[in-house]
Amino acid sequence: MPRRPPSRGQATVELVALLPALALLALVCGWLVAGAYAWSLAGGAARAGARAAEVGAPAEAAVRAALPGGHAHRARVTVDDGGRRVRVRLDVPRPLPFLPVARVTGEAEVAR
């Protein structure tokens, strides 16, 4: 029976071929986590704005106070329906500049 040549370096070649896929998976997972965090921030800030509007305080100031530094300046705050509905829209941070912009929205309404 003929002997097969040893497969030296086969595992290294397979690992090198797999690295781009693992890097892409890590990038997508990180972007999803950042999106979930931004969505959570937007919802909490919208609730804070609705609570402020319920007691007659300015909702937009309460929303910006509820958000951490960088997000507070970039948030888009909308107060509708005579001050009853507060909507906060945040951009999800992009891990790479060529990726599309993703936006999340949090919304809260004043109970009557």
Protein backbone atom coordinates (compact mmCIF):
# COMPACT_ATOMS: atom_id res chain seq x y z
CA MET A 1 0.00 0.00 0.00
CA PRO A 2 1.40 3.43 -0.89
CA ARG A 3 2.01 5.84 1.97
CA ARG A 4 0.20 9.16 1.97
CA PRO A 5 2.34 12.27 2.37
CA PRO A 6 2.01 13.93 5.79
CA SER A 7 -0.54 16.73 5.96
CA ARG A 8 1.70 19.37 7.44
CA GLY A 9 0.16 22.78 7.75
CA GLN A 10 -3.40 21.65 6.99
CA ALA A 11 -4.78 22.98 10.28
CA THR A 12 -3.00 26.31 9.76
CA VAL A 13 -4.49 26.72 6.29
CA GLU A 14 -7.97 25.92 7.58
CA LEU A 15 -7.59 28.42 10.43
CA VAL A 16 -6.42 31.17 8.08
CA ALA A 17 -9.40 30.50 5.82
CA LEU A 18 -11.78 30.68 8.80
CA LEU A 19 -10.43 33.91 10.34
CA PRO A 20 -12.31 36.35 8.04
CA ALA A 21 -15.60 34.61 8.81
CA LEU A 22 -14.90 34.77 12.55
CA ALA A 23 -13.98 38.45 12.30
CA LEU A 24 -17.22 39.19 10.42
CA LEU A 25 -19.24 37.27 12.99
CA ALA A 26 -17.62 39.23 15.83
CA LEU A 27 -18.31 42.51 14.01
CA VAL A 28 -21.99 41.68 13.48
CA CYS A 29 -22.42 40.53 17.08
CA GLY A 30 -20.83 43.73 18.38
CA TRP A 31 -23.08 45.83 16.17
CA LEU A 32 -26.17 43.97 17.42
CA VAL A 33 -25.13 44.53 21.04
CA ALA A 34 -24.58 48.25 20.34
CA GLY A 35 -28.03 48.41 18.74
CA ALA A 36 -29.70 46.75 21.71
CA TYR A 37 -27.92 49.15 24.07
CA ALA A 38 -29.01 52.19 22.03
CA TRP A 39 -32.58 50.88 21.91
CA SER A 40 -32.57 50.45 25.68
CA LEU A 41 -31.23 53.97 26.17
CA ALA A 42 -33.85 55.43 23.83
CA GLY A 43 -36.70 53.68 25.64
CA GLY A 44 -35.51 54.74 29.08
CA ALA A 45 -35.01 58.32 27.96
CA ALA A 46 -38.48 58.41 26.38
CA ARG A 47 -40.00 57.18 29.64
CA ALA A 48 -38.09 59.85 31.56
CA GLY A 49 -39.41 62.50 29.17
CA ALA A 50 -42.98 61.21 29.53
CA ARG A 51 -42.71 61.30 33.33
CA ALA A 52 -41.43 64.88 33.16
CA ALA A 53 -44.25 65.88 30.79
CA GLU A 54 -46.79 64.34 33.15
CA VAL A 55 -45.79 66.70 35.96
CA GLY A 56 -45.46 69.71 33.65
CA ALA A 57 -41.65 69.81 33.31
CA PRO A 58 -39.96 70.13 29.90
CA ALA A 59 -39.79 66.67 28.36
CA GLU A 60 -36.83 67.32 26.06
CA ALA A 61 -34.62 68.46 28.94
CA ALA A 62 -35.54 65.32 30.91
CA VAL A 63 -34.75 63.11 27.90
CA ARG A 64 -31.32 64.66 27.43
CA ALA A 65 -30.58 64.41 31.16
CA ALA A 66 -31.43 60.69 31.08
CA LEU A 67 -29.00 59.94 28.25
CA PRO A 68 -25.24 59.54 28.68
CA GLY A 69 -23.02 62.36 27.34
CA GLY A 70 -22.47 61.59 23.66
CA HIS A 71 -25.95 60.20 23.09
CA ALA A 72 -27.63 63.24 24.68
CA HIS A 73 -26.20 65.60 22.06
CA ARG A 74 -27.04 63.39 19.07
CA ALA A 75 -30.54 62.30 20.10
CA ARG A 76 -33.56 63.45 18.13
CA VAL A 77 -36.39 64.19 20.53
CA THR A 78 -39.98 64.68 19.38
CA VAL A 79 -42.85 65.63 21.68
CA ASP A 80 -46.26 65.11 20.01
CA ASP A 81 -49.93 65.14 20.82
CA GLY A 82 -49.89 68.21 23.06
CA GLY A 83 -46.94 66.92 25.09
CA ARG A 84 -48.42 63.46 25.68
CA ARG A 85 -46.12 61.34 23.49
CA VAL A 86 -42.33 61.47 23.64
CA ARG A 87 -40.22 59.86 20.92
CA VAL A 88 -36.44 59.52 21.11
CA ARG A 89 -34.39 58.44 18.08
CA LEU A 90 -30.75 57.44 18.38
CA ASP A 91 -28.19 56.36 15.80
CA VAL A 92 -26.48 53.05 16.51
CA PRO A 93 -22.69 53.51 16.53
CA ARG A 94 -21.11 51.97 13.42
CA PRO A 95 -18.06 49.76 13.92
CA LEU A 96 -16.86 50.57 10.39
CA PRO A 97 -17.52 53.84 8.53
CA PHE A 98 -18.77 52.19 5.32
CA LEU A 99 -21.62 50.35 7.08
CA PRO A 100 -25.11 51.86 6.80
CA VAL A 101 -26.53 54.00 9.58
CA ALA A 102 -28.97 52.13 11.81
CA ARG A 103 -31.45 54.04 13.94
CA VAL A 104 -33.51 52.94 16.92
CA THR A 105 -36.55 54.64 18.39
CA GLY A 106 -37.95 54.65 21.90
CA GLU A 107 -41.43 55.93 22.54
CA ALA A 108 -43.45 56.62 25.67
CA GLU A 109 -46.84 58.13 26.31
CA VAL A 110 -48.20 60.04 29.28
CA ALA A 111 -51.00 58.15 31.00
CA ARG A 112 -54.24 60.03 31.54
